[in-house]
Amino acid sequence: MVSAHLDRPLDGLTTAQTKALDTVGGRAGRWLAWHGRTVVLDALEHLHALGRAGRGSSFRRS
């Protein structure tokens, strides 16, 4: 989703602008999917390994 906050309404986007937004949106979506599959999962696996090894910081719920 692309959101813009402008001083006044737009009359419409040109074909080139629409294509550019579609391209950027597709790239952003692919990057977010890659990030979730790699960086986030790696971080979660690391935290899980620390917890299993007993090296995670402990906390107490009140």
PDB file of N, CA and C in Angstrom:
ATOM      1  N   MET A   1       0.843  -1.160   0.000  1.00  0.00           N
ATOM      2  CA  MET A   1       0.000   0.000   0.000  1.00  0.00           C
ATOM      3  C   MET A   1       0.891   1.226   0.000  1.00  0.00           C
ATOM      4  N   VAL A   2       0.539   2.193  -0.796  1.00  0.00           N
ATOM      5  CA  VAL A   2       1.243   3.465  -0.819  1.00  0.00           C
ATOM      6  C   VAL A   2       0.299   4.524  -0.295  1.00  0.00           C
ATOM      7  N   SER A   3       0.787   5.333   0.618  1.00  0.00           N
ATOM      8  CA  SER A   3      -0.020   6.400   1.187  1.00  0.00           C
ATOM      9  C   SER A   3       0.712   7.716   0.993  1.00  0.00           C
ATOM     10  N   ALA A   4      -0.009   8.734   0.557  1.00  0.00           N
ATOM     11  CA  ALA A   4       0.584  10.056   0.370  1.00  0.00           C
ATOM     12  C   ALA A   4      -0.278  11.084   1.096  1.00  0.00           C
ATOM     13  N   HIS A   5       0.358  12.024   1.720  1.00  0.00           N
ATOM     14  CA  HIS A   5      -0.345  13.090   2.432  1.00  0.00           C
ATOM     15  C   HIS A   5       0.021  14.400   1.742  1.00  0.00           C
ATOM     16  N   LEU A   6      -0.944  14.950   1.037  1.00  0.00           N
ATOM     17  CA  LEU A   6      -0.705  16.128   0.216  1.00  0.00           C
ATOM     18  C   LEU A   6      -1.573  17.286   0.686  1.00  0.00           C
ATOM     19  N   ASP A   7      -1.167  18.490   0.296  1.00  0.00           N
ATOM     20  CA  ASP A   7      -1.935  19.690   0.650  1.00  0.00           C
ATOM     21  C   ASP A   7      -3.271  19.754  -0.085  1.00  0.00           C
ATOM     22  N   ARG A   8      -3.313  19.151  -1.270  1.00  0.00           N
ATOM     23  CA  ARG A   8      -4.531  19.198  -2.079  1.00  0.00           C
ATOM     24  C   ARG A   8      -4.698  17.868  -2.805  1.00  0.00           C
ATOM     25  N   PRO A   9      -5.931  17.526  -3.175  1.00  0.00           N
ATOM     26  CA  PRO A   9      -6.149  16.270  -3.895  1.00  0.00           C
ATOM     27  C   PRO A   9      -5.472  16.274  -5.262  1.00  0.00           C
ATOM     28  N   LEU A  10      -5.074  15.107  -5.704  1.00  0.00           N
ATOM     29  CA  LEU A  10      -4.518  14.959  -7.043  1.00  0.00           C
ATOM     30  C   LEU A  10      -5.651  14.699  -8.035  1.00  0.00           C
ATOM     31  N   ASP A  11      -5.445  15.153  -9.249  1.00  0.00           N
ATOM     32  CA  ASP A  11      -6.441  14.891 -10.290  1.00  0.00           C
ATOM     33  C   ASP A  11      -6.302  13.478 -10.834  1.00  0.00           C
ATOM     34  N   GLY A  12      -5.174  12.882 -10.663  1.00  0.00           N
ATOM     35  CA  GLY A  12      -4.933  11.542 -11.158  1.00  0.00           C
ATOM     36  C   GLY A  12      -3.452  11.369 -11.460  1.00  0.00           C
ATOM     37  N   LEU A  13      -3.045  10.141 -11.548  1.00  0.00           N
ATOM     38  CA  LEU A  13      -1.646   9.836 -11.849  1.00  0.00           C
ATOM     39  C   LEU A  13      -1.492   9.553 -13.337  1.00  0.00           C
ATOM     40  N   THR A  14      -0.330   9.880 -13.842  1.00  0.00           N
ATOM     41  CA  THR A  14      -0.041   9.553 -15.235  1.00  0.00           C
ATOM     42  C   THR A  14       0.247   8.059 -15.332  1.00  0.00           C
ATOM     43  N   THR A  15       0.258   7.551 -16.541  1.00  0.00           N
ATOM     44  CA  THR A  15       0.579   6.143 -16.756  1.00  0.00           C
ATOM     45  C   THR A  15       1.982   5.841 -16.252  1.00  0.00           C
ATOM     46  N   ALA A  16       2.930   6.746 -16.495  1.00  0.00           N
ATOM     47  CA  ALA A  16       4.313   6.547 -16.041  1.00  0.00           C
ATOM     48  C   ALA A  16       4.390   6.519 -14.505  1.00  0.00           C
ATOM     49  N   GLN A  17       3.631   7.393 -13.848  1.00  0.00           N
ATOM     50  CA  GLN A  17       3.641   7.421 -12.390  1.00  0.00           C
ATOM     51  C   GLN A  17       3.032   6.139 -11.814  1.00  0.00           C
ATOM     52  N   THR A  18       1.948   5.693 -12.413  1.00  0.00           N
ATOM     53  CA  THR A  18       1.312   4.461 -11.962  1.00  0.00           C
ATOM     54  C   THR A  18       2.254   3.276 -12.137  1.00  0.00           C
ATOM     55  N   LYS A  19       2.953   3.224 -13.268  1.00  0.00           N
ATOM     56  CA  LYS A  19       3.901   2.139 -13.514  1.00  0.00           C
ATOM     57  C   LYS A  19       5.054   2.193 -12.512  1.00  0.00           C
ATOM     58  N   ALA A  20       5.547   3.395 -12.239  1.00  0.00           N
ATOM     59  CA  ALA A  20       6.645   3.544 -11.286  1.00  0.00           C
ATOM     60  C   ALA A  20       6.215   3.090  -9.886  1.00  0.00           C
ATOM     61  N   LEU A  21       5.019   3.470  -9.462  1.00  0.00           N
ATOM     62  CA  LEU A  21       4.523   3.038  -8.156  1.00  0.00           C
ATOM     63  C   LEU A  21       4.348   1.530  -8.107  1.00  0.00           C
ATOM     64  N   ASP A  22       3.874   0.940  -9.204  1.00  0.00           N
ATOM     65  CA  ASP A  22       3.717  -0.508  -9.266  1.00  0.00           C
ATOM     66  C   ASP A  22       5.073  -1.208  -9.145  1.00  0.00           C
ATOM     67  N   THR A  23       6.080  -0.674  -9.815  1.00  0.00           N
ATOM     68  CA  THR A  23       7.431  -1.245  -9.764  1.00  0.00           C
ATOM     69  C   THR A  23       8.007  -1.153  -8.352  1.00  0.00           C
ATOM     70  N   VAL A  24       7.911   0.019  -7.753  1.00  0.00           N
ATOM     71  CA  VAL A  24       8.438   0.209  -6.397  1.00  0.00           C
ATOM     72  C   VAL A  24       7.677  -0.668  -5.406  1.00  0.00           C
ATOM     73  N   GLY A  25       6.369  -0.746  -5.545  1.00  0.00           N
ATOM     74  CA  GLY A  25       5.571  -1.583  -4.653  1.00  0.00           C
ATOM     75  C   GLY A  25       5.942  -3.054  -4.762  1.00  0.00           C
ATOM     76  N   GLY A  26       6.161  -3.525  -5.984  1.00  0.00           N
ATOM     77  CA  GLY A  26       6.569  -4.914  -6.183  1.00  0.00           C
ATOM     78  C   GLY A  26       7.920  -5.204  -5.571  1.00  0.00           C
ATOM     79  N   ARG A  27       8.854  -4.290  -5.759  1.00  0.00           N
ATOM     80  CA  ARG A  27      10.191  -4.472  -5.181  1.00  0.00           C
ATOM     81  C   ARG A  27      10.140  -4.446  -3.660  1.00  0.00           C
ATOM     82  N   ALA A  28       9.360  -3.521  -3.109  1.00  0.00           N
ATOM     83  CA  ALA A  28       9.243  -3.445  -1.650  1.00  0.00           C
ATOM     84  C   ALA A  28       8.610  -4.724  -1.099  1.00  0.00           C
ATOM     85  N   GLY A  29       7.602  -5.222  -1.769  1.00  0.00           N
ATOM     86  CA  GLY A  29       6.953  -6.453  -1.326  1.00  0.00           C
ATOM     87  C   GLY A  29       7.889  -7.645  -1.363  1.00  0.00           C
ATOM     88  N   ARG A  30       8.683  -7.749  -2.433  1.00  0.00           N
ATOM     89  CA  ARG A  30       9.646  -8.851  -2.528  1.00  0.00           C
ATOM     90  C   ARG A  30      10.710  -8.729  -1.455  1.00  0.00           C
ATOM     91  N   TRP A  31      11.156  -7.490  -1.165  1.00  0.00           N
ATOM     92  CA  TRP A  31      12.164  -7.299  -0.129  1.00  0.00           C
ATOM     93  C   TRP A  31      11.590  -7.679   1.235  1.00  0.00           C
ATOM     94  N   LEU A  32      10.371  -7.245   1.524  1.00  0.00           N
ATOM     95  CA  LEU A  32       9.762  -7.591   2.812  1.00  0.00           C
ATOM     96  C   LEU A  32       9.603  -9.095   2.971  1.00  0.00           C
ATOM     97  N   ALA A  33       9.219  -9.776   1.907  1.00  0.00           N
ATOM     98  CA  ALA A  33       9.085 -11.237   1.965  1.00  0.00           C
ATOM     99  C   ALA A  33      10.445 -11.885   2.211  1.00  0.00           C
ATOM    100  N   TRP A  34      11.467 -11.426   1.494  1.00  0.00           N
ATOM    101  CA  TRP A  34      12.833 -11.956   1.692  1.00  0.00           C
ATOM    102  C   TRP A  34      13.285 -11.707   3.128  1.00  0.00           C
ATOM    103  N   HIS A  35      13.074 -10.501   3.634  1.00  0.00           N
ATOM    104  CA  HIS A  35      13.495 -10.137   4.987  1.00  0.00           C
ATOM    105  C   HIS A  35      12.831 -11.053   6.010  1.00  0.00           C
ATOM    106  N   GLY A  36      11.546 -11.302   5.834  1.00  0.00           N
ATOM    107  CA  GLY A  36      10.847 -12.181   6.762  1.00  0.00           C
ATOM    108  C   GLY A  36      11.351 -13.617   6.707  1.00  0.00           C
ATOM    109  N   ARG A  37      11.701 -14.093   5.505  1.00  0.00           N
ATOM    110  CA  ARG A  37      12.176 -15.473   5.344  1.00  0.00           C
ATOM    111  C   ARG A  37      13.612 -15.653   5.814  1.00  0.00           C
ATOM    112  N   THR A  38      14.410 -14.609   5.805  1.00  0.00           N
ATOM    113  CA  THR A  38      15.832 -14.758   6.112  1.00  0.00           C
ATOM    114  C   THR A  38      16.216 -14.073   7.415  1.00  0.00           C
ATOM    115  N   VAL A  39      16.243 -12.780   7.433  1.00  0.00           N
ATOM    116  CA  VAL A  39      16.751 -12.027   8.584  1.00  0.00           C
ATOM    117  C   VAL A  39      15.925 -12.306   9.837  1.00  0.00           C
ATOM    118  N   VAL A  40      14.616 -12.213   9.723  1.00  0.00           N
ATOM    119  CA  VAL A  40      13.769 -12.411  10.901  1.00  0.00           C
ATOM    120  C   VAL A  40      13.872 -13.854  11.395  1.00  0.00           C
ATOM    121  N   LEU A  41      13.805 -14.816  10.498  1.00  0.00           N
ATOM    122  CA  LEU A  41      13.905 -16.212  10.925  1.00  0.00           C
ATOM    123  C   LEU A  41      15.265 -16.529  11.532  1.00  0.00           C
ATOM    124  N   ASP A  42      16.326 -15.979  10.954  1.00  0.00           N
ATOM    125  CA  ASP A  42      17.658 -16.183  11.538  1.00  0.00           C
ATOM    126  C   ASP A  42      17.724 -15.637  12.958  1.00  0.00           C
ATOM    127  N   ALA A  43      17.153 -14.445  13.177  1.00  0.00           N
ATOM    128  CA  ALA A  43      17.167 -13.845  14.515  1.00  0.00           C
ATOM    129  C   ALA A  43      16.368 -14.696  15.492  1.00  0.00           C
ATOM    130  N   LEU A  44      15.213 -15.193  15.061  1.00  0.00           N
ATOM    131  CA  LEU A  44      14.400 -16.038  15.933  1.00  0.00           C
ATOM    132  C   LEU A  44      15.107 -17.350  16.256  1.00  0.00           C
ATOM    133  N   GLU A  45      15.757 -17.942  15.265  1.00  0.00           N
ATOM    134  CA  GLU A  45      16.502 -19.176  15.507  1.00  0.00           C
ATOM    135  C   GLU A  45      17.639 -18.940  16.491  1.00  0.00           C
ATOM    136  N   HIS A  46      18.312 -17.807  16.376  1.00  0.00           N
ATOM    137  CA  HIS A  46      19.391 -17.468  17.297  1.00  0.00           C
ATOM    138  C   HIS A  46      18.851 -17.331  18.727  1.00  0.00           C
ATOM    139  N   LEU A  47      17.746 -16.617  18.885  1.00  0.00           N
ATOM    140  CA  LEU A  47      17.154 -16.477  20.213  1.00  0.00           C
ATOM    141  C   LEU A  47      16.715 -17.824  20.783  1.00  0.00           C
ATOM    142  N   HIS A  48      16.162 -18.651  19.940  1.00  0.00           N
ATOM    143  CA  HIS A  48      15.740 -19.981  20.374  1.00  0.00           C
ATOM    144  C   HIS A  48      16.944 -20.791  20.848  1.00  0.00           C
ATOM    145  N   ALA A  49      18.036 -20.741  20.101  1.00  0.00           N
ATOM    146  CA  ALA A  49      19.251 -21.471  20.482  1.00  0.00           C
ATOM    147  C   ALA A  49      19.794 -20.958  21.816  1.00  0.00           C
ATOM    148  N   LEU A  50      19.773 -19.650  22.020  1.00  0.00           N
ATOM    149  CA  LEU A  50      20.230 -19.094  23.303  1.00  0.00           C
ATOM    150  C   LEU A  50      19.355 -19.594  24.443  1.00  0.00           C
ATOM    151  N   GLY A  51      18.058 -19.616  24.211  1.00  0.00           N
ATOM    152  CA  GLY A  51      17.150 -20.092  25.248  1.00  0.00           C
ATOM    153  C   GLY A  51      17.350 -21.557  25.567  1.00  0.00           C
ATOM    154  N   ARG A  52      17.552 -22.369  24.551  1.00  0.00           N
ATOM    155  CA  ARG A  52      17.755 -23.805  24.771  1.00  0.00           C
ATOM    156  C   ARG A  52      19.073 -24.056  25.495  1.00  0.00           C
ATOM    157  N   ALA A  53      20.065 -23.215  25.262  1.00  0.00           N
ATOM    158  CA  ALA A  53      21.365 -23.373  25.909  1.00  0.00           C
ATOM    159  C   ALA A  53      21.352 -22.793  27.324  1.00  0.00           C
ATOM    160  N   GLY A  54      20.243 -22.188  27.701  1.00  0.00           N
ATOM    161  CA  GLY A  54      20.152 -21.608  29.041  1.00  0.00           C
ATOM    162  C   GLY A  54      20.888 -20.302  29.183  1.00  0.00           C
ATOM    163  N   ARG A  55      21.198 -19.680  28.050  1.00  0.00           N
ATOM    164  CA  ARG A  55      21.941 -18.428  28.113  1.00  0.00           C
ATOM    165  C   ARG A  55      21.057 -17.219  27.866  1.00  0.00           C
ATOM    166  N   GLY A  56      19.787 -17.452  27.693  1.00  0.00           N
ATOM    167  CA  GLY A  56      18.885 -16.320  27.506  1.00  0.00           C
ATOM    168  C   GLY A  56      18.675 -15.599  28.802  1.00  0.00           C
ATOM    169  N   SER A  57      18.422 -14.326  28.752  1.00  0.00           N
ATOM    170  CA  SER A  57      18.193 -13.587  29.987  1.00  0.00           C
ATOM    171  C   SER A  57      16.840 -14.002  30.559  1.00  0.00           C
ATOM    172  N   SER A  58      16.817 -14.194  31.844  1.00  0.00           N
ATOM    173  CA  SER A  58      15.574 -14.604  32.469  1.00  0.00           C
ATOM    174  C   SER A  58      14.802 -13.376  32.916  1.00  0.00           C
ATOM    175  N   PHE A  59      13.518 -13.510  32.987  1.00  0.00           N
ATOM    176  CA  PHE A  59      12.694 -12.425  33.472  1.00  0.00           C
ATOM    177  C   PHE A  59      11.549 -13.023  34.265  1.00  0.00           C
ATOM    178  N   ARG A  60      10.988 -12.235  35.117  1.00  0.00           N
ATOM    179  CA  ARG A  60       9.903 -12.701  35.973  1.00  0.00           C
ATOM    180  C   ARG A  60       8.673 -11.867  35.701  1.00  0.00           C
ATOM    181  N   ARG A  61       7.581 -12.512  35.463  1.00  0.00           N
ATOM    182  CA  ARG A  61       6.322 -11.792  35.272  1.00  0.00           C
ATOM    183  C   ARG A  61       5.714 -11.536  36.647  1.00  0.00           C
ATOM    184  N   SER A  62       5.143 -10.364  36.793  1.00  0.00           N
ATOM    185  CA  SER A  62       4.515 -10.068  38.076  1.00  0.00           C
ATOM    186  C   SER A  62       3.020 -10.179  37.995  1.00  0.00           C
TER     187      SER A  62
END
